[in-house]
């Protein structure tokens, strides 16, 4: 009887996925898309910043009128972001939006300045009080010291523009060091309106030699932790500046700036 041969073993099928060889000569597509136009929010911010700067520097003086189309051409953008920027500026009291006529830069009257400085005095005094109460370090106060020294240096060189920039930097940093965001925002809105009058009258006022001494006196009170003393110095400082500014309005019979 013939023996039955054993069954043949079948080869096991491959279980892994098939690997394809890379195709040569085919470049990979880049995931980076070409840059498109700037987002609308960015264009609005740019238009707002540009128009606001022109107003504060009196490039657009009080009473200046401009059509939306003219502003858009000047800034090289469409009218829509210009329109939204003007609405923001109107809410801040810098311009009046005139239907079909674009915008008109609002003037600042002696009564306006008196009210603005009254509120600024209260807000900055609050900042000085907060700052003195927490006894800041010398390193924190150094920007205020530097700004005051820059003011003195600018006066020696008869550079009133540099003096004004350093003075503005001192007051801005003073408020920022208080660490109160709401206080910073409130001061910034008022400072924009007072800036125009200060720059317009900068060369009509007596040489501002007192400001440097008053700043140093305020720094001494803050460094010593004397909150009440810092408030008193700042209040006297601002009230003197207000009197000088109002006197210029009266001397030159200015109804508005």
Protein backbone atom coordinates (compact mmCIF):
# COMPACT_ATOMS: atom_id res chain seq x y z
CA UNK A 1 0.00 0.00 0.00
CA UNK A 2 1.42 3.39 -1.13
CA UNK A 3 1.96 6.06 1.59
CA UNK A 4 -0.01 9.35 1.26
CA UNK A 5 2.35 12.33 0.94
CA UNK A 6 1.95 15.15 3.57
CA UNK A 7 -0.01 18.25 2.42
CA UNK A 8 2.04 21.13 1.08
CA UNK A 9 2.40 24.21 3.33
CA UNK A 10 1.09 27.42 1.83
CA UNK A 11 3.14 30.60 2.17
CA UNK A 12 1.65 33.05 4.67
CA UNK A 13 0.35 36.30 3.13
CA UNK A 14 2.06 39.53 4.16
CA UNK A 15 0.11 41.28 6.89
CA UNK A 16 1.79 44.73 6.90
CA UNK A 17 0.67 47.59 4.65
CA UNK A 18 2.26 47.92 1.27
CA UNK A 19 5.01 50.54 1.19
CA UNK A 20 5.11 52.69 -1.91
CA UNK A 21 8.36 54.04 -3.13
CA UNK A 22 8.45 57.80 -3.20
CA UNK A 23 7.84 59.33 -6.58
CA UNK A 24 10.85 61.15 -7.82
CA UNK A 25 10.74 64.58 -9.33
CA UNK A 26 7.47 65.63 -7.62
CA UNK A 27 8.01 68.66 -5.36
CA UNK A 28 6.08 68.85 -2.08
CA UNK A 29 3.51 71.58 -1.90
CA UNK A 30 4.10 74.18 0.73
CA UNK A 31 1.36 74.64 3.34
CA UNK A 32 2.11 78.38 3.52
CA UNK A 33 -0.45 80.49 1.72
CA UNK A 34 0.45 83.75 0.09
CA UNK A 35 -0.12 86.77 2.30
CA UNK A 36 -3.47 88.45 1.71
CA UNK A 37 -4.71 91.90 2.66
CA UNK A 38 -4.45 92.97 6.30
CA UNK A 39 -7.48 92.13 8.50
CA UNK A 40 -10.04 94.91 8.76
CA UNK A 41 -9.40 95.36 12.49
CA UNK A 42 -5.75 96.10 11.73
CA UNK A 43 -6.67 98.63 9.06
CA UNK A 44 -9.08 100.35 11.46
CA UNK A 45 -6.40 100.50 14.17
CA UNK A 46 -3.88 101.93 11.72
CA UNK A 47 -6.34 104.57 10.49
CA UNK A 48 -7.28 105.48 14.07
CA UNK A 49 -3.64 105.83 15.15
CA UNK A 50 -2.68 107.92 12.09
CA UNK A 51 -5.60 110.36 12.33
CA UNK A 52 -5.29 110.64 16.11
CA UNK A 53 -1.57 111.45 15.86
CA UNK A 54 -2.27 114.20 13.31
CA UNK A 55 -4.88 115.71 15.62
CA UNK A 56 -2.69 115.62 18.74
CA UNK A 57 0.25 117.16 16.88
CA UNK A 58 -2.02 119.89 15.43
CA UNK A 59 -1.39 118.73 11.86
CA UNK A 60 -5.19 118.67 11.81
CA UNK A 61 -5.85 121.80 13.91
CA UNK A 62 -9.13 122.53 15.73
CA UNK A 63 -11.90 123.17 13.21
CA UNK A 64 -10.13 121.21 10.47
CA UNK A 65 -12.60 119.34 8.25
CA UNK A 66 -11.89 116.40 5.96
CA UNK A 67 -14.03 114.07 3.90
CA UNK A 68 -13.80 110.32 4.45
CA UNK A 69 -12.68 109.90 0.86
CA UNK A 70 -9.86 112.44 1.30
CA UNK A 71 -8.67 110.75 4.49
CA UNK A 72 -8.83 107.35 2.81
CA UNK A 73 -6.73 108.59 -0.12
CA UNK A 74 -4.22 110.20 2.23
CA UNK A 75 -3.84 107.01 4.26
CA UNK A 76 -3.96 104.69 1.26
CA UNK A 77 -6.88 102.60 2.51
CA UNK A 78 -10.60 102.21 1.84
CA UNK A 79 -13.28 104.40 3.38
CA UNK A 80 -14.76 101.72 5.67
CA UNK A 81 -11.85 101.54 8.18
CA UNK A 82 -11.61 105.34 8.09
CA UNK A 83 -15.31 105.60 8.99
CA UNK A 84 -14.88 103.19 11.94
CA UNK A 85 -11.76 105.03 13.12
CA UNK A 86 -13.65 108.34 13.10
CA UNK A 87 -16.40 106.84 15.26
CA UNK A 88 -13.77 105.84 17.84
CA UNK A 89 -12.25 109.32 17.77
CA UNK A 90 -15.68 110.90 18.15
CA UNK A 91 -16.32 108.76 21.24
CA UNK A 92 -13.08 110.15 22.69
CA UNK A 93 -14.17 113.73 22.09
CA UNK A 94 -11.50 114.53 19.50
CA UNK A 95 -13.70 114.89 16.41
CA UNK A 96 -17.28 115.37 15.34
CA UNK A 97 -18.52 113.05 12.62
CA UNK A 98 -20.50 115.14 10.12
CA UNK A 99 -22.84 113.17 7.82
CA UNK A 100 -21.72 113.42 4.17
CA UNK A 101 -18.91 115.76 5.25
CA UNK A 102 -16.49 113.40 7.01
CA UNK A 103 -15.14 114.81 10.24
CA UNK A 104 -14.39 118.07 12.02
CA UNK A 105 -11.68 118.36 14.67
CA UNK A 106 -13.24 119.63 17.89
CA UNK A 107 -11.65 122.67 19.62
CA UNK A 108 -10.71 122.90 23.29
CA UNK A 109 -12.06 125.88 25.23
CA UNK A 110 -10.74 127.40 28.48
CA UNK A 111 -13.67 125.79 30.31
CA UNK A 112 -12.81 122.43 28.75
CA UNK A 113 -9.19 122.71 29.85
CA UNK A 114 -10.14 123.71 33.39
CA UNK A 115 -12.44 120.69 33.69
CA UNK A 116 -9.89 118.33 32.11
CA UNK A 117 -7.10 119.45 34.44
CA UNK A 118 -9.38 119.16 37.47
CA UNK A 119 -10.05 115.52 36.68
CA UNK A 120 -6.44 114.82 35.66
CA UNK A 121 -5.26 116.27 38.97
CA UNK A 122 -7.55 113.95 40.92
CA UNK A 123 -6.57 110.86 38.90
CA UNK A 124 -2.82 111.50 39.02
CA UNK A 125 -3.02 112.28 42.73
CA UNK A 126 -4.70 108.91 43.26
CA UNK A 127 -1.86 107.26 41.32
CA UNK A 128 0.77 109.04 43.43
CA UNK A 129 -1.01 107.99 46.63
CA UNK A 130 -1.22 104.33 45.55
CA UNK A 131 2.40 104.30 44.48
CA UNK A 132 3.74 105.91 47.67
CA UNK A 133 1.67 103.57 49.85
CA UNK A 134 3.35 100.47 48.41
CA UNK A 135 6.90 101.91 48.73
CA UNK A 136 8.30 101.17 45.25
CA UNK A 137 11.93 100.21 44.75
CA UNK A 138 14.56 102.57 43.36
CA UNK A 139 14.60 100.47 40.18
CA UNK A 140 10.86 101.05 39.69
CA UNK A 141 11.26 104.79 40.20
CA UNK A 142 14.28 105.09 37.90
CA UNK A 143 12.19 105.87 34.75
CA UNK A 144 10.68 108.84 36.62
CA UNK A 145 14.13 110.02 37.67
CA UNK A 146 15.40 109.66 34.10
CA UNK A 147 12.45 111.60 32.70
CA UNK A 148 13.04 114.43 35.19
CA UNK A 149 16.74 114.61 34.31
CA UNK A 150 15.80 114.67 30.62
CA UNK A 151 13.51 117.62 31.32
CA UNK A 152 16.32 119.54 33.01
CA UNK A 153 18.72 118.74 30.18
CA UNK A 154 16.21 119.87 27.55
CA UNK A 155 15.68 123.21 29.32
CA UNK A 156 19.43 123.88 29.36
CA UNK A 157 19.42 123.31 25.61
CA UNK A 158 16.24 125.39 25.12
CA UNK A 159 14.62 122.36 23.49
CA UNK A 160 10.99 122.75 24.53
CA UNK A 161 9.78 119.86 22.38
CA UNK A 162 12.18 117.47 24.14
CA UNK A 163 11.12 118.95 27.49
CA UNK A 164 7.45 118.34 26.71
CA UNK A 165 8.14 114.73 25.63
CA UNK A 166 10.05 114.01 28.86
CA UNK A 167 7.36 115.68 31.00
CA UNK A 168 4.67 113.61 29.31
CA UNK A 169 6.73 110.47 29.87
CA UNK A 170 7.02 111.25 33.59
CA UNK A 171 3.28 111.62 34.09
CA UNK A 172 2.45 108.59 31.99
CA UNK A 173 4.89 106.37 33.88
CA UNK A 174 3.67 107.69 37.22
CA UNK A 175 0.14 106.52 36.46
CA UNK A 176 1.30 103.18 35.04
CA UNK A 177 3.30 102.39 38.17
CA UNK A 178 0.11 102.60 40.24
CA UNK A 179 -0.89 99.31 38.61
CA UNK A 180 -4.54 100.23 38.07
CA UNK A 181 -5.65 99.56 34.47
CA UNK A 182 -8.86 101.57 34.78
CA UNK A 183 -6.91 104.55 36.09
CA UNK A 184 -4.44 104.31 33.20
CA UNK A 185 -7.24 104.22 30.61
CA UNK A 186 -9.08 107.18 32.15
CA UNK A 187 -5.94 109.34 32.24
CA UNK A 188 -5.01 108.40 28.67
CA UNK A 189 -8.33 109.63 27.30
CA UNK A 190 -8.03 112.99 29.04
CA UNK A 191 -4.33 113.35 28.29
CA UNK A 192 -5.06 113.17 24.56
CA UNK A 193 -7.28 116.23 24.77
CA UNK A 194 -4.95 118.23 27.01
CA UNK A 195 -1.91 117.38 24.86
CA UNK A 196 -3.07 119.63 22.00
CA UNK A 197 -3.50 122.66 24.24
CA UNK A 198 -0.16 122.06 25.97
CA UNK A 199 1.71 121.81 22.67
CA UNK A 200 -0.07 124.84 21.21
CA UNK A 201 0.77 127.01 24.23
CA UNK A 202 4.23 125.56 24.87
CA UNK A 203 6.06 128.64 23.59
CA UNK A 204 3.56 131.11 25.01
CA UNK A 205 4.14 130.10 28.62
CA UNK A 206 7.02 131.07 30.93
CA UNK A 207 9.99 128.71 30.76
CA UNK A 208 8.83 125.64 32.73
CA UNK A 209 11.64 125.56 35.29
CA UNK A 210 9.31 124.79 38.21
CA UNK A 211 8.16 121.44 36.86
CA UNK A 212 11.55 119.78 37.32
CA UNK A 213 11.74 120.80 40.99
CA UNK A 214 8.15 119.72 41.62
CA UNK A 215 8.76 116.31 40.02
CA UNK A 216 11.81 115.73 42.23
CA UNK A 217 9.84 116.76 45.31
CA UNK A 218 7.09 114.30 44.40
CA UNK A 219 9.66 111.52 43.92
CA UNK A 220 11.09 112.21 47.39
CA UNK A 221 7.63 111.87 48.95
CA UNK A 222 6.88 108.66 47.03
CA UNK A 223 10.26 107.14 47.93
CA UNK A 224 9.65 107.96 51.60
CA UNK A 225 6.22 106.31 51.52
CA UNK A 226 4.55 109.65 52.28
CA UNK A 227 1.27 109.20 50.38
CA UNK A 228 -0.34 112.41 51.66
CA UNK A 229 2.77 114.42 50.84
CA UNK A 230 2.95 112.98 47.31
CA UNK A 231 -0.70 113.93 46.75
CA UNK A 232 -0.12 117.48 48.00
CA UNK A 233 2.90 118.02 45.73
CA UNK A 234 1.13 116.64 42.68
CA UNK A 235 -2.02 118.67 43.31
CA UNK A 236 -0.03 121.89 43.67
CA UNK A 237 1.96 121.03 40.55
CA UNK A 238 -1.13 120.49 38.40
CA UNK A 239 -3.00 123.48 39.79
CA UNK A 240 -0.09 125.78 38.96
CA UNK A 241 0.01 124.42 35.39
CA UNK A 242 -3.73 124.97 35.07
CA UNK A 243 -3.46 128.58 36.18
CA UNK A 244 -0.69 129.24 33.66
CA UNK A 245 -2.67 127.67 30.82
CA UNK A 246 -5.89 129.54 31.59
CA UNK A 247 -3.90 132.79 31.87
CA UNK A 248 -2.66 132.28 28.30
CA UNK A 249 -6.23 131.91 27.07
CA UNK A 250 -7.11 135.17 28.77
CA UNK A 251 -3.96 137.10 27.79
CA UNK A 252 -4.26 136.28 24.10
CA UNK A 253 -8.08 136.36 24.18
CA UNK A 254 -8.29 132.83 22.88
CA UNK A 255 -11.81 131.46 22.87
CA UNK A 256 -10.67 127.98 21.94
CA UNK A 257 -7.72 125.92 20.75
